[in-house]
Amino acid sequence: MTTINLKSHLEIAKDAAELAGVFLAGYDRTTIKIKTEEGKDIKINADVRSEEIIFKHLMAHSAYTILSEEKGMVNRDDNNFMWIVDPLDGTMNYFRNMPMCCVSIGLWQKEKPLLGVIYDFNTGEYFTGIVGQGAWRNDQPIHVSGIDKKEKAILATGFPANTDFSRDAIEGFITDLKTYKKIRMFGSAALSTCYVACGKVEAYLEKDIMLWDIAGGIPIVLAAGGQAEKKTARRESSFHVFISNGQLENK
């Protein structure tokens, strides 16, 4: 496999996330316009502008293909590596002026996660990680929780726009949730993965989630000592994911 300097690429991603985060933090939310609204999902003009900022920076510093929530797949000279971008994760929270939202950027080599940057522009927290090298929150090392029993663990979860709300699906989902001590829904998949990485929660489970929602967080969790299980869901483009500290048992 081709090797690259991951630390320098982490800085590229971090700079791109900061540029977008500064824009989003200073955006006049009274001027927000909904571009599209379909089912349980909305797209706003701030998403598009944030994506443009990120694309400009990433394209200026690499020739890698980019997969993003708004533009989809943008093929470039190097398809071996791919930036995966969520320019604003937690759009509804942002739209309603709730602080659980962020910018997420991951770098993958084919199906292999390499590094991730998630910038919580409301708190000023940067979550970063390089698989095999370490994970950090504002440059301080972080690690997953040591709790090993579901009955003592906190699970972060949610219902993305593509959720199957059929009776059987929901009942099965609830049965699994009942094994945990507490359940939290933050409204941001990316921040949920960060909270696994730094030990605030022990696991994150979500079904029918899109790759860009978790592509920045998975490498951070892996770098922090956790695990990630990802399988194709009922929609070809979505996934069922279980991201955890890797130590949970049904006890």
Foldseek 3Di string as FASTA:
>chain_A
DDDDDVVVVLVLQVVLFVVLLVCLVPDDLVPWDWPDDDQPDTDIPSQVVLVVSSVVSVVVPDQEWEAEPPPGTDHGDDDQKYKYWRSKFLVVCSNVVHQLIWTKIWMAGVPRTAKIWIASSVVRWIWIAGAPPAIDIVNHGAAADPDAEQQAFEEEEDADSPHDPDPVVVVVVVVVVVLHNYYHYRSALQVRLVCRLRHVGFKYWYWFAACSSCSRSQRSNNRRQWDKDWDQHPDNRGITMMIGNNRYDHD
